[in-house]
Structures are given as structure tokens and as C-alpha cells.
Amino acid sequence: MNFVTDILNGILCSLIVIFLWIAIYGSAGRGVIQGYSIEEDGDLYFGWGVDNSLSLMIILLVSRFLIYFRRTSTFSLIKDRIRSANRKDLCASS
């Protein structure tokens, strides 16, 4: 559910920015503000957004993989050590 609300939030924020740009560029009377057109602003906005999303996704995937790998390898080592220690104790007591 959080995933869906995050996506809807991103879409809503993007729509708000787009409508603001349309209003600002429309009220300016010309197609260029500070040397940028609405198309260039859109390219920059969505380009940075996609770049940021992809880099964040890659970082999250790598960190999740490393956490999973560390957990499984560490836990398996601990379990093996506990089992071998228990076997030694059983052999020593008999």
C-alpha cells in the first residue's frame, strides 16, 4: 500500500509542477524565462527525476543484496559453530 501511495504522490507532485509551469510561462507572455523554455525546464526536471530514481534504486538494490548476503552467511556460520560446539560438548560428556 505504501508503494502505491508513494507513486501517486510522485505523480501528483509532478502534475502540480507542470501546471505551475504552464501558468507561469503563460502569464509571462513569451516562451522563454531566464533563457529557458518550458520544454527545457521539463527536460531538466524529468531528467533529474529519472536519474535520481535510477541511482536510488540501484543503491537500494545493492544494499538489500549486501544485507541479505551478510545475514545469511553470518547466521549460517554462527549456526555451524553452535552445532559443532554442542557436538563437542556431547562427545566430551559421554
Protein backbone atom coordinates (compact mmCIF):
# COMPACT_ATOMS: atom_id res chain seq x y z
CA MET A 1 0.00 0.00 0.00
CA ASN A 2 2.86 2.39 0.77
CA PHE A 3 4.30 1.74 -2.68
CA VAL A 4 1.04 2.79 -4.36
CA THR A 5 0.71 5.94 -2.27
CA ASP A 6 4.35 6.86 -3.00
CA ILE A 7 3.74 6.51 -6.73
CA LEU A 8 0.52 8.54 -6.55
CA ASN A 9 2.34 11.19 -4.53
CA GLY A 10 5.09 11.42 -7.14
CA ILE A 11 2.56 11.72 -9.96
CA LEU A 12 0.58 14.37 -8.10
CA CYS A 13 3.71 16.44 -7.34
CA SER A 14 4.80 16.23 -10.98
CA LEU A 15 1.36 17.34 -12.18
CA ILE A 16 1.42 20.31 -9.79
CA VAL A 17 4.84 21.37 -11.12
CA ILE A 18 3.69 21.01 -14.73
CA PHE A 19 0.55 23.10 -14.15
CA LEU A 20 2.59 25.75 -12.34
CA TRP A 21 5.00 25.94 -15.26
CA ILE A 22 2.10 26.26 -17.71
CA ALA A 23 0.63 29.09 -15.62
CA ILE A 24 3.97 30.88 -15.17
CA TYR A 25 5.06 30.60 -18.79
CA GLY A 26 1.54 31.51 -19.96
CA SER A 27 1.43 34.66 -17.83
CA ALA A 28 4.93 35.71 -18.95
CA GLY A 29 3.65 36.32 -22.45
CA ARG A 30 6.68 34.81 -24.14
CA GLY A 31 8.02 31.30 -24.33
CA VAL A 32 11.31 31.96 -22.53
CA ILE A 33 12.02 32.87 -18.90
CA GLN A 34 15.63 33.42 -17.77
CA GLY A 35 16.80 31.84 -21.01
CA TYR A 36 14.86 28.58 -20.56
CA SER A 37 11.77 27.44 -22.41
CA ILE A 38 9.08 25.27 -20.83
CA GLU A 39 10.35 22.28 -22.82
CA GLU A 40 13.87 22.73 -21.47
CA ASP A 41 12.59 23.05 -17.90
CA GLY A 42 10.55 19.90 -18.38
CA ASP A 43 13.53 18.00 -19.76
CA LEU A 44 15.68 19.09 -16.83
CA TYR A 45 13.00 18.29 -14.24
CA PHE A 46 12.16 14.84 -15.55
CA GLY A 47 15.76 14.05 -16.48
CA TRP A 48 16.95 14.75 -12.96
CA GLY A 49 14.00 12.85 -11.54
CA VAL A 50 14.70 9.76 -13.62
CA ASP A 51 18.42 9.95 -12.90
CA ASN A 52 17.76 10.33 -9.18
CA SER A 53 15.25 7.48 -9.15
CA LEU A 54 17.53 5.10 -11.03
CA SER A 55 20.56 5.84 -8.89
CA LEU A 56 18.50 5.49 -5.71
CA MET A 57 17.02 2.21 -6.97
CA ILE A 58 20.48 0.82 -7.73
CA ILE A 59 21.77 1.86 -4.30
CA LEU A 60 18.78 0.27 -2.57
CA LEU A 61 19.08 -2.97 -4.53
CA VAL A 62 22.80 -3.29 -3.81
CA SER A 63 22.32 -2.52 -0.12
CA ARG A 64 19.45 -5.03 0.16
CA PHE A 65 21.58 -7.68 -1.52
CA LEU A 66 24.51 -6.97 0.78
CA ILE A 67 22.30 -7.04 3.88
CA TYR A 68 20.71 -10.32 2.79
CA PHE A 69 24.07 -11.86 1.91
CA ARG A 70 25.60 -10.77 5.19
CA ARG A 71 22.66 -12.09 7.21
CA THR A 72 22.57 -15.45 5.55
CA SER A 73 26.32 -16.03 5.60
CA THR A 74 26.74 -14.76 9.18
CA PHE A 75 23.82 -16.72 10.53
CA SER A 76 24.92 -19.88 8.79
CA LEU A 77 28.41 -19.51 10.27
CA ILE A 78 27.01 -18.93 13.75
CA LYS A 79 24.67 -21.91 13.47
CA ASP A 80 27.52 -24.12 12.31
CA ARG A 81 29.72 -23.00 15.20
CA ILE A 82 26.94 -23.60 17.73
CA ARG A 83 26.26 -27.06 16.30
CA SER A 84 29.92 -28.01 16.37
CA ALA A 85 30.27 -26.69 19.93
CA ASN A 86 27.22 -28.71 21.02
CA ARG A 87 28.63 -31.86 19.39
CA LYS A 88 31.95 -31.36 21.20
CA ASP A 89 30.11 -30.92 24.50
CA LEU A 90 28.05 -34.05 23.88
CA CYS A 91 31.14 -36.07 22.98
CA ALA A 92 33.05 -34.78 25.99
CA SER A 93 30.23 -35.57 28.43
CA SER A 94 29.76 -39.16 27.29
